Amino acid sequence: MDETTPPQHLNPLQRFGADIKQVRLARKLTQKQLGRAAGYSEAYVSRVEAGKLLPRPSDKFAKGCDVAFGTGKLFTDLLHRIDEGDHPSWFVPYLNLEKKASRILDFSANLVKGILQTEDYARAIFRISNPQASSEAIEGKVAARIRRRNVFEREDPPLFWIILHESCLRTVVGCDEVMAGQLEYLLKAATSPCIKLQVLPFSGGAPAAHAKPFTVLRFTDSPTVLYTESRVGGRMHDSAQTVDAALDDYDLLRAHALSPDGSVTLIRTLLKEYRE
């Protein structure tokens, strides 16, 4: 990070790093000493303070800093607020539940779900939907979206089952190169033991729920929740009748979708088309 960069021009991660550095210097600690106390290398601390650690510093590091500095939960909470700050306020309730879910069932009708988007794919979407936003604001949103993948790094990651309508794979976001990168990432994600991916082909006919995207979140100790989204924001539904109807729709979608192996074959075929 450039030492002459005005504070108001720093992105959230740069501000976080600057705050870490300020408190570290006030406590008269070197980067090496802080790293040792937090359980990380000197290089890791240096990257955090420069705002260059992507997608973001770990929760463990923030907690380690709070312990080393004697700052309670200051940096831990600040890191969580960074996660929330680059998302619309109406999306934060869903985001908090997504982190706790034991199973995530998703149907994406037009675009690849955010948690599986590549940086280039997400960047293209944000540029289109936020034409007046600065490049710094766009990059903040992209980083926040990529950070959602951290849920798969939990000790007990959720089972994520996603059904992508074929239109998600054929709707060109950005350019062919961006789409090729996105499909390559989907193929990689499909190899994860905690991710099940199916494609609902055009030949599957009119899908359940009239092709409207939705997500069902299941928990080990809380009621199942349905999440839907519209142009004006997202909405959580927890009534048993509404959730059961969504689960019925999901079962129907799965029945009409290609098998996981067949889905991978289709994605590979489309990937060749984008590369050509």
C-alpha atoms as a PDB file:
ATOM      1  CA  MET A   1       0.000   0.000   0.000  1.00  0.00           C
ATOM      2  CA  ASP A   2       1.324   3.434  -0.916  1.00  0.00           C
ATOM      3  CA  GLU A   3       2.121   5.390   2.267  1.00  0.00           C
ATOM      4  CA  THR A   4       0.810   8.542   0.572  1.00  0.00           C
ATOM      5  CA  THR A   5      -2.607   7.092  -0.203  1.00  0.00           C
ATOM      6  CA  PRO A   6      -5.252   9.236   1.546  1.00  0.00           C
ATOM      7  CA  PRO A   7      -7.240   7.242   4.163  1.00  0.00           C
ATOM      8  CA  GLN A   8     -10.528   7.967   2.388  1.00  0.00           C
ATOM      9  CA  HIS A   9      -9.183   6.251  -0.756  1.00  0.00           C
ATOM     10  CA  LEU A  10      -8.252   2.995   0.975  1.00  0.00           C
ATOM     11  CA  ASN A  11     -10.406  -0.043   0.372  1.00  0.00           C
ATOM     12  CA  PRO A  12     -11.731  -1.978   3.429  1.00  0.00           C
ATOM     13  CA  LEU A  13      -8.855  -4.480   3.457  1.00  0.00           C
ATOM     14  CA  GLN A  14      -6.285  -1.690   3.208  1.00  0.00           C
ATOM     15  CA  ARG A  15      -7.945   0.142   6.100  1.00  0.00           C
ATOM     16  CA  PHE A  16      -7.943  -3.078   8.130  1.00  0.00           C
ATOM     17  CA  GLY A  17      -4.231  -3.520   7.419  1.00  0.00           C
ATOM     18  CA  ALA A  18      -3.469   0.091   8.284  1.00  0.00           C
ATOM     19  CA  ASP A  19      -5.270  -0.297  11.617  1.00  0.00           C
ATOM     20  CA  ILE A  20      -3.340  -3.480  12.385  1.00  0.00           C
ATOM     21  CA  LYS A  21      -0.077  -1.673  11.643  1.00  0.00           C
ATOM     22  CA  GLN A  22      -1.029   1.353  13.742  1.00  0.00           C
ATOM     23  CA  VAL A  23      -1.825  -0.722  16.818  1.00  0.00           C
ATOM     24  CA  ARG A  24       1.212  -2.966  16.281  1.00  0.00           C
ATOM     25  CA  LEU A  25       3.526   0.039  16.224  1.00  0.00           C
ATOM     26  CA  ALA A  26       1.780   1.511  19.273  1.00  0.00           C
ATOM     27  CA  ARG A  27       2.447  -1.775  21.107  1.00  0.00           C
ATOM     28  CA  LYS A  28       6.070  -1.638  19.854  1.00  0.00           C
ATOM     29  CA  LEU A  29       5.847  -5.023  18.164  1.00  0.00           C
ATOM     30  CA  THR A  30       7.615  -6.071  14.987  1.00  0.00           C
ATOM     31  CA  GLN A  31       5.784  -7.882  12.206  1.00  0.00           C
ATOM     32  CA  LYS A  32       7.691 -11.014  13.165  1.00  0.00           C
ATOM     33  CA  GLN A  33       6.632 -10.743  16.807  1.00  0.00           C
ATOM     34  CA  LEU A  34       2.985 -10.190  15.883  1.00  0.00           C
ATOM     35  CA  GLY A  35       3.104 -13.095  13.460  1.00  0.00           C
ATOM     36  CA  ARG A  36       4.534 -15.375  16.118  1.00  0.00           C
ATOM     37  CA  ALA A  37       1.866 -14.317  18.622  1.00  0.00           C
ATOM     38  CA  ALA A  38      -0.958 -14.811  16.100  1.00  0.00           C
ATOM     39  CA  GLY A  39       0.439 -18.047  14.676  1.00  0.00           C
ATOM     40  CA  TYR A  40       1.431 -16.664  11.266  1.00  0.00           C
ATOM     41  CA  SER A  41       4.567 -15.737   9.375  1.00  0.00           C
ATOM     42  CA  GLU A  42       6.127 -12.290   9.136  1.00  0.00           C
ATOM     43  CA  ALA A  43       5.316 -12.311   5.411  1.00  0.00           C
ATOM     44  CA  TYR A  44       1.640 -12.948   6.189  1.00  0.00           C
ATOM     45  CA  VAL A  45       1.523  -9.947   8.539  1.00  0.00           C
ATOM     46  CA  SER A  46       3.249  -7.809   5.918  1.00  0.00           C
ATOM     47  CA  ARG A  47       0.647  -8.727   3.290  1.00  0.00           C
ATOM     48  CA  VAL A  48      -2.204  -8.026   5.702  1.00  0.00           C
ATOM     49  CA  GLU A  49      -0.835  -4.588   6.585  1.00  0.00           C
ATOM     50  CA  ALA A  50      -0.401  -3.807   2.887  1.00  0.00           C
ATOM     51  CA  GLY A  51      -4.011  -4.789   2.201  1.00  0.00           C
ATOM     52  CA  LYS A  52      -2.825  -7.364  -0.326  1.00  0.00           C
ATOM     53  CA  LEU A  53      -3.963 -10.590   1.319  1.00  0.00           C
ATOM     54  CA  LEU A  54      -6.897 -11.859  -0.761  1.00  0.00           C
ATOM     55  CA  PRO A  55      -9.643 -12.716  -0.393  1.00  0.00           C
ATOM     56  CA  ARG A  56      -9.085 -11.475   3.179  1.00  0.00           C
ATOM     57  CA  PRO A  57      -7.140 -12.206   6.404  1.00  0.00           C
ATOM     58  CA  SER A  58      -8.350 -15.237   8.323  1.00  0.00           C
ATOM     59  CA  ASP A  59     -10.606 -15.126  11.386  1.00  0.00           C
ATOM     60  CA  LYS A  60      -7.811 -16.879  13.284  1.00  0.00           C
ATOM     61  CA  PHE A  61      -5.412 -14.055  12.452  1.00  0.00           C
ATOM     62  CA  ALA A  62      -7.867 -11.384  13.597  1.00  0.00           C
ATOM     63  CA  LYS A  63      -8.434 -13.243  16.872  1.00  0.00           C
ATOM     64  CA  GLY A  64      -4.675 -13.628  17.300  1.00  0.00           C
ATOM     65  CA  CYS A  65      -4.210  -9.877  16.868  1.00  0.00           C
ATOM     66  CA  ASP A  66      -6.906  -9.148  19.445  1.00  0.00           C
ATOM     67  CA  VAL A  67      -5.134 -11.421  21.923  1.00  0.00           C
ATOM     68  CA  ALA A  68      -1.695  -9.967  21.165  1.00  0.00           C
ATOM     69  CA  PHE A  69      -2.955  -6.370  21.334  1.00  0.00           C
ATOM     70  CA  GLY A  70      -5.394  -6.860  24.199  1.00  0.00           C
ATOM     71  CA  THR A  71      -8.181  -5.354  22.071  1.00  0.00           C
ATOM     72  CA  GLY A  72     -11.004  -7.716  23.002  1.00  0.00           C
ATOM     73  CA  LYS A  73     -12.872  -8.557  19.782  1.00  0.00           C
ATOM     74  CA  LEU A  74     -12.063  -5.313  17.970  1.00  0.00           C
ATOM     75  CA  PHE A  75     -10.304  -6.764  14.924  1.00  0.00           C
ATOM     76  CA  THR A  76     -12.445  -9.896  14.845  1.00  0.00           C
ATOM     77  CA  ASP A  77     -15.595  -7.784  14.644  1.00  0.00           C
ATOM     78  CA  LEU A  78     -13.985  -5.382  12.178  1.00  0.00           C
ATOM     79  CA  LEU A  79     -13.186  -8.283   9.863  1.00  0.00           C
ATOM     80  CA  HIS A  80     -16.796  -9.466  10.024  1.00  0.00           C
ATOM     81  CA  ARG A  81     -18.042  -5.952   9.269  1.00  0.00           C
ATOM     82  CA  ILE A  82     -15.800  -5.900   6.194  1.00  0.00           C
ATOM     83  CA  ASP A  83     -17.534  -9.077   5.032  1.00  0.00           C
ATOM     84  CA  GLU A  84     -20.918  -7.427   5.473  1.00  0.00           C
ATOM     85  CA  GLY A  85     -19.964  -3.957   4.238  1.00  0.00           C
ATOM     86  CA  ASP A  86     -19.429  -4.936   0.603  1.00  0.00           C
ATOM     87  CA  HIS A  87     -22.809  -6.674   0.420  1.00  0.00           C
ATOM     88  CA  PRO A  88     -26.239  -4.989   0.231  1.00  0.00           C
ATOM     89  CA  SER A  89     -27.793  -4.643   3.695  1.00  0.00           C
ATOM     90  CA  TRP A  90     -30.734  -6.831   2.658  1.00  0.00           C
ATOM     91  CA  PHE A  91     -28.307  -9.658   1.807  1.00  0.00           C
ATOM     92  CA  VAL A  92     -26.509  -9.730   5.159  1.00  0.00           C
ATOM     93  CA  PRO A  93     -29.147 -11.891   6.962  1.00  0.00           C
ATOM     94  CA  TYR A  94     -28.787 -14.546   4.268  1.00  0.00           C
ATOM     95  CA  LEU A  95     -24.994 -14.274   4.363  1.00  0.00           C
ATOM     96  CA  ASN A  96     -24.946 -14.910   8.111  1.00  0.00           C
ATOM     97  CA  LEU A  97     -27.158 -17.984   7.713  1.00  0.00           C
ATOM     98  CA  GLU A  98     -25.126 -19.313   4.779  1.00  0.00           C
ATOM     99  CA  LYS A  99     -22.073 -19.450   7.055  1.00  0.00           C
ATOM    100  CA  LYS A 100     -23.945 -21.660   9.552  1.00  0.00           C
ATOM    101  CA  ALA A 101     -25.849 -23.970   7.213  1.00  0.00           C
ATOM    102  CA  SER A 102     -25.212 -27.707   7.186  1.00  0.00           C
ATOM    103  CA  ARG A 103     -26.806 -28.149   3.744  1.00  0.00           C
ATOM    104  CA  ILE A 104     -27.334 -25.611   0.962  1.00  0.00           C
ATOM    105  CA  LEU A 105     -29.696 -26.486  -1.878  1.00  0.00           C
ATOM    106  CA  ASP A 106     -29.658 -23.975  -4.720  1.00  0.00           C
ATOM    107  CA  PHE A 107     -31.353 -23.565  -8.083  1.00  0.00           C
ATOM    108  CA  SER A 108     -29.763 -20.929 -10.317  1.00  0.00           C
ATOM    109  CA  ALA A 109     -31.816 -19.980 -13.348  1.00  0.00           C
ATOM    110  CA  ASN A 110     -29.847 -17.317 -15.245  1.00  0.00           C
ATOM    111  CA  LEU A 111     -26.455 -16.716 -13.651  1.00  0.00           C
ATOM    112  CA  VAL A 112     -24.006 -18.886 -11.759  1.00  0.00           C
ATOM    113  CA  LYS A 113     -24.583 -18.542  -8.018  1.00  0.00           C
ATOM    114  CA  GLY A 114     -22.292 -15.994  -6.363  1.00  0.00           C
ATOM    115  CA  ILE A 115     -20.452 -18.459  -4.140  1.00  0.00           C
ATOM    116  CA  LEU A 116     -19.231 -20.339  -7.251  1.00  0.00           C
ATOM    117  CA  GLN A 117     -18.401 -17.326  -9.392  1.00  0.00           C
ATOM    118  CA  THR A 118     -14.848 -16.578 -10.505  1.00  0.00           C
ATOM    119  CA  GLU A 119     -13.385 -13.129  -9.940  1.00  0.00           C
ATOM    120  CA  ASP A 120     -13.662 -12.202 -13.631  1.00  0.00           C
ATOM    121  CA  TYR A 121     -17.268 -13.409 -13.859  1.00  0.00           C
ATOM    122  CA  ALA A 122     -18.275 -11.526 -10.692  1.00  0.00           C
ATOM    123  CA  ARG A 123     -16.406  -8.408 -11.824  1.00  0.00           C
ATOM    124  CA  ALA A 124     -18.269  -8.372 -15.146  1.00  0.00           C
ATOM    125  CA  ILE A 125     -21.619  -8.666 -13.353  1.00  0.00           C
ATOM    126  CA  PHE A 126     -20.831  -5.895 -10.872  1.00  0.00           C
ATOM    127  CA  ARG A 127     -19.629  -3.552 -13.612  1.00  0.00           C
ATOM    128  CA  ILE A 128     -22.895  -3.994 -15.475  1.00  0.00           C
ATOM    129  CA  SER A 129     -25.116  -3.661 -12.388  1.00  0.00           C
ATOM    130  CA  ASN A 130     -23.112  -0.768 -10.856  1.00  0.00           C
ATOM    131  CA  PRO A 131     -22.129   1.414 -13.836  1.00  0.00           C
ATOM    132  CA  GLN A 132     -21.355   4.474 -11.674  1.00  0.00           C
ATOM    133  CA  ALA A 133     -19.227   2.627  -9.100  1.00  0.00           C
ATOM    134  CA  SER A 134     -15.480   3.237  -8.851  1.00  0.00           C
ATOM    135  CA  SER A 135     -13.029   0.476  -9.658  1.00  0.00           C
ATOM    136  CA  GLU A 136     -12.156   0.309  -5.937  1.00  0.00           C
ATOM    137  CA  ALA A 137     -15.810  -0.263  -5.028  1.00  0.00           C
ATOM    138  CA  ILE A 138     -16.140  -2.948  -7.690  1.00  0.00           C
ATOM    139  CA  GLU A 139     -13.044  -4.747  -6.458  1.00  0.00           C
ATOM    140  CA  GLY A 140     -14.392  -4.614  -2.903  1.00  0.00           C
ATOM    141  CA  LYS A 141     -17.582  -6.312  -4.031  1.00  0.00           C
ATOM    142  CA  VAL A 142     -15.652  -8.926  -5.986  1.00  0.00           C
ATOM    143  CA  ALA A 143     -13.434  -9.724  -2.995  1.00  0.00           C
ATOM    144  CA  ALA A 144     -16.478 -10.001  -0.720  1.00  0.00           C
ATOM    145  CA  ARG A 145     -18.123 -12.421  -3.118  1.00  0.00           C
ATOM    146  CA  ILE A 146     -15.012 -14.602  -3.347  1.00  0.00           C
ATOM    147  CA  ARG A 147     -14.730 -14.630   0.458  1.00  0.00           C
ATOM    148  CA  ARG A 148     -18.009 -16.519   0.616  1.00  0.00           C
ATOM    149  CA  ARG A 149     -16.063 -19.615  -0.431  1.00  0.00           C
ATOM    150  CA  ASN A 150     -14.536 -19.649   3.053  1.00  0.00           C
ATOM    151  CA  VAL A 151     -17.597 -21.606   4.160  1.00  0.00           C
ATOM    152  CA  PHE A 152     -16.103 -24.644   2.413  1.00  0.00           C
ATOM    153  CA  GLU A 153     -12.957 -24.342   4.537  1.00  0.00           C
ATOM    154  CA  ARG A 154     -14.823 -24.997   7.775  1.00  0.00           C
ATOM    155  CA  GLU A 155     -13.967 -28.151   9.715  1.00  0.00           C
ATOM    156  CA  ASP A 156     -17.516 -29.267   8.933  1.00  0.00           C
ATOM    157  CA  PRO A 157     -18.281 -27.664   5.542  1.00  0.00           C
ATOM    158  CA  PRO A 158     -21.881 -27.741   4.346  1.00  0.00           C
ATOM    159  CA  LEU A 159     -23.087 -30.061   1.623  1.00  0.00           C
ATOM    160  CA  PHE A 160     -23.709 -27.688  -1.259  1.00  0.00           C
ATOM    161  CA  TRP A 161     -26.059 -29.051  -3.929  1.00  0.00           C
ATOM    162  CA  ILE A 162     -26.536 -26.748  -6.890  1.00  0.00           C
ATOM    163  CA  ILE A 163     -28.699 -27.147  -9.976  1.00  0.00           C
ATOM    164  CA  LEU A 164     -27.731 -24.798 -12.789  1.00  0.00           C
ATOM    165  CA  HIS A 165     -30.139 -24.202 -15.621  1.00  0.00           C
ATOM    166  CA  GLU A 166     -28.331 -24.553 -18.938  1.00  0.00           C
ATOM    167  CA  SER A 167     -28.981 -20.865 -19.579  1.00  0.00           C
ATOM    168  CA  CYS A 168     -26.487 -20.100 -16.766  1.00  0.00           C
ATOM    169  CA  LEU A 169     -23.795 -21.734 -18.876  1.00  0.00           C
ATOM    170  CA  ARG A 170     -24.829 -20.191 -22.196  1.00  0.00           C
ATOM    171  CA  THR A 171     -25.528 -16.619 -21.071  1.00  0.00           C
ATOM    172  CA  VAL A 172     -22.280 -14.843 -21.920  1.00  0.00           C
ATOM    173  CA  VAL A 173     -21.083 -12.756 -18.980  1.00  0.00           C
ATOM    174  CA  GLY A 174     -18.123 -10.570 -19.899  1.00  0.00           C
ATOM    175  CA  CYS A 175     -16.749 -12.469 -22.900  1.00  0.00           C
ATOM    176  CA  ASP A 176     -15.945 -15.984 -24.072  1.00  0.00           C
ATOM    177  CA  GLU A 177     -12.690 -15.958 -22.125  1.00  0.00           C
ATOM    178  CA  VAL A 178     -14.505 -15.073 -18.898  1.00  0.00           C
ATOM    179  CA  MET A 179     -17.049 -17.813 -19.544  1.00  0.00           C
ATOM    180  CA  ALA A 180     -14.306 -20.356 -20.225  1.00  0.00           C
ATOM    181  CA  GLY A 181     -12.705 -19.492 -16.898  1.00  0.00           C
ATOM    182  CA  GLN A 182     -16.049 -19.779 -15.147  1.00  0.00           C
ATOM    183  CA  LEU A 183     -16.805 -23.199 -16.614  1.00  0.00           C
ATOM    184  CA  GLU A 184     -13.319 -24.406 -15.735  1.00  0.00           C
ATOM    185  CA  TYR A 185     -13.966 -23.395 -12.141  1.00  0.00           C
ATOM    186  CA  LEU A 186     -17.300 -25.222 -12.118  1.00  0.00           C
ATOM    187  CA  LEU A 187     -15.553 -28.377 -13.286  1.00  0.00           C
ATOM    188  CA  LYS A 188     -13.048 -27.986 -10.453  1.00  0.00           C
ATOM    189  CA  ALA A 189     -15.819 -27.340  -7.917  1.00  0.00           C
ATOM    190  CA  ALA A 190     -17.671 -30.446  -9.071  1.00  0.00           C
ATOM    191  CA  THR A 191     -14.734 -32.571  -7.863  1.00  0.00           C
ATOM    192  CA  SER A 192     -15.150 -31.375  -4.273  1.00  0.00           C
ATOM    193  CA  PRO A 193     -16.673 -33.976  -1.920  1.00  0.00           C
ATOM    194  CA  CYS A 194     -18.945 -31.326  -0.405  1.00  0.00           C
ATOM    195  CA  ILE A 195     -20.298 -29.987  -3.731  1.00  0.00           C
ATOM    196  CA  LYS A 196     -22.888 -31.741  -5.897  1.00  0.00           C
ATOM    197  CA  LEU A 197     -23.519 -30.084  -9.247  1.00  0.00           C
ATOM    198  CA  GLN A 198     -26.233 -30.818 -11.782  1.00  0.00           C
ATOM    199  CA  VAL A 199     -27.292 -29.028 -14.954  1.00  0.00           C
ATOM    200  CA  LEU A 200     -30.935 -28.713 -15.955  1.00  0.00           C
ATOM    201  CA  PRO A 201     -30.731 -28.821 -19.780  1.00  0.00           C
ATOM    202  CA  PHE A 202     -33.051 -26.989 -22.130  1.00  0.00           C
ATOM    203  CA  SER A 203     -34.311 -30.416 -23.161  1.00  0.00           C
ATOM    204  CA  GLY A 204     -35.592 -30.910 -19.609  1.00  0.00           C
ATOM    205  CA  GLY A 205     -38.561 -28.710 -20.424  1.00  0.00           C
ATOM    206  CA  ALA A 206     -40.167 -26.040 -18.270  1.00  0.00           C
ATOM    207  CA  PRO A 207     -38.623 -26.411 -14.796  1.00  0.00           C
ATOM    208  CA  ALA A 208     -40.471 -26.289 -11.506  1.00  0.00           C
ATOM    209  CA  ALA A 209     -40.966 -22.892  -9.866  1.00  0.00           C
ATOM    210  CA  HIS A 210     -41.134 -21.314 -13.349  1.00  0.00           C
ATOM    211  CA  ALA A 211     -37.334 -21.085 -13.484  1.00  0.00           C
ATOM    212  CA  LYS A 212     -37.140 -18.648 -10.572  1.00  0.00           C
ATOM    213  CA  PRO A 213     -33.925 -19.059  -8.579  1.00  0.00           C
ATOM    214  CA  PHE A 214     -34.124 -19.990  -4.902  1.00  0.00           C
ATOM    215  CA  THR A 215     -31.970 -21.376  -2.115  1.00  0.00           C
ATOM    216  CA  VAL A 216     -32.876 -23.657   0.776  1.00  0.00           C
ATOM    217  CA  LEU A 217     -30.673 -23.587   3.891  1.00  0.00           C
ATOM    218  CA  ARG A 218     -30.736 -26.465   6.344  1.00  0.00           C
ATOM    219  CA  PHE A 219     -29.211 -26.447   9.819  1.00  0.00           C
ATOM    220  CA  THR A 220     -28.388 -29.024  12.453  1.00  0.00           C
ATOM    221  CA  ASP A 221     -30.153 -27.141  15.254  1.00  0.00           C
ATOM    222  CA  SER A 222     -32.491 -24.629  13.556  1.00  0.00           C
ATOM    223  CA  PRO A 223     -35.515 -24.744  11.226  1.00  0.00           C
ATOM    224  CA  THR A 224     -34.963 -24.911   7.470  1.00  0.00           C
ATOM    225  CA  VAL A 225     -35.122 -21.559   5.666  1.00  0.00           C
ATOM    226  CA  LEU A 226     -35.999 -20.632   2.082  1.00  0.00           C
ATOM    227  CA  TYR A 227     -34.317 -17.626   0.462  1.00  0.00           C
ATOM    228  CA  THR A 228     -35.667 -15.891  -2.623  1.00  0.00           C
ATOM    229  CA  GLU A 229     -34.532 -12.754  -4.390  1.00  0.00           C
ATOM    230  CA  SER A 230     -36.070 -10.067  -6.591  1.00  0.00           C
ATOM    231  CA  ARG A 231     -35.012  -6.736  -8.073  1.00  0.00           C
ATOM    232  CA  VAL A 232     -35.773  -4.967  -4.789  1.00  0.00           C
ATOM    233  CA  GLY A 233     -33.928  -7.341  -2.486  1.00  0.00           C
ATOM    234  CA  GLY A 234     -33.937 -10.738  -0.823  1.00  0.00           C
ATOM    235  CA  ARG A 235     -36.450 -12.379   1.466  1.00  0.00           C
ATOM    236  CA  MET A 236     -36.223 -15.196   4.007  1.00  0.00           C
ATOM    237  CA  HIS A 237     -39.156 -17.615   4.376  1.00  0.00           C
ATOM    238  CA  ASP A 238     -39.458 -19.970   7.348  1.00  0.00           C
ATOM    239  CA  SER A 239     -43.063 -21.203   7.266  1.00  0.00           C
ATOM    240  CA  ALA A 240     -43.170 -24.996   7.003  1.00  0.00           C
ATOM    241  CA  GLN A 241     -45.667 -24.902   4.131  1.00  0.00           C
ATOM    242  CA  THR A 242     -43.536 -22.561   2.016  1.00  0.00           C
ATOM    243  CA  VAL A 243     -40.317 -24.452   2.722  1.00  0.00           C
ATOM    244  CA  ASP A 244     -41.920 -27.831   1.960  1.00  0.00           C
ATOM    245  CA  ALA A 245     -43.228 -26.509  -1.376  1.00  0.00           C
ATOM    246  CA  ALA A 246     -39.721 -25.340  -2.276  1.00  0.00           C
ATOM    247  CA  LEU A 247     -38.271 -28.744  -1.375  1.00  0.00           C
ATOM    248  CA  ASP A 248     -40.865 -30.421  -3.603  1.00  0.00           C
ATOM    249  CA  ASP A 249     -39.826 -28.102  -6.432  1.00  0.00           C
ATOM    250  CA  TYR A 250     -36.192 -28.957  -5.806  1.00  0.00           C
ATOM    251  CA  ASP A 251     -36.884 -32.680  -5.986  1.00  0.00           C
ATOM    252  CA  LEU A 252     -38.634 -32.123  -9.320  1.00  0.00           C
ATOM    253  CA  LEU A 253     -35.710 -30.084 -10.611  1.00  0.00           C
ATOM    254  CA  ARG A 254     -33.276 -32.825  -9.628  1.00  0.00           C
ATOM    255  CA  ALA A 255     -35.407 -35.404 -11.390  1.00  0.00           C
ATOM    256  CA  HIS A 256     -35.314 -33.445 -14.655  1.00  0.00           C
ATOM    257  CA  ALA A 257     -31.638 -32.459 -14.407  1.00  0.00           C
ATOM    258  CA  LEU A 258     -28.718 -34.352 -15.870  1.00  0.00           C
ATOM    259  CA  SER A 259     -26.779 -36.662 -13.580  1.00  0.00           C
ATOM    260  CA  PRO A 260     -23.617 -35.191 -11.998  1.00  0.00           C
ATOM    261  CA  ASP A 261     -21.483 -37.057 -14.557  1.00  0.00           C
ATOM    262  CA  GLY A 262     -23.747 -36.011 -17.430  1.00  0.00           C
ATOM    263  CA  SER A 263     -23.617 -32.415 -16.182  1.00  0.00           C
ATOM    264  CA  VAL A 264     -19.814 -32.435 -16.199  1.00  0.00           C
ATOM    265  CA  THR A 265     -19.849 -33.780 -19.752  1.00  0.00           C
ATOM    266  CA  LEU A 266     -22.119 -30.941 -20.906  1.00  0.00           C
ATOM    267  CA  ILE A 267     -19.969 -28.320 -19.173  1.00  0.00           C
ATOM    268  CA  ARG A 268     -16.858 -29.709 -20.868  1.00  0.00           C
ATOM    269  CA  THR A 269     -18.602 -29.559 -24.244  1.00  0.00           C
ATOM    270  CA  LEU A 270     -19.579 -25.925 -23.712  1.00  0.00           C
ATOM    271  CA  LEU A 271     -16.087 -25.126 -22.453  1.00  0.00           C
ATOM    272  CA  LYS A 272     -14.670 -26.307 -25.801  1.00  0.00           C
ATOM    273  CA  GLU A 273     -17.116 -24.020 -27.612  1.00  0.00           C
ATOM    274  CA  TYR A 274     -15.999 -20.991 -25.593  1.00  0.00           C
ATOM    275  CA  ARG A 275     -12.353 -21.803 -26.153  1.00  0.00           C
ATOM    276  CA  GLU A 276     -12.886 -22.057 -29.911  1.00  0.00           C
END
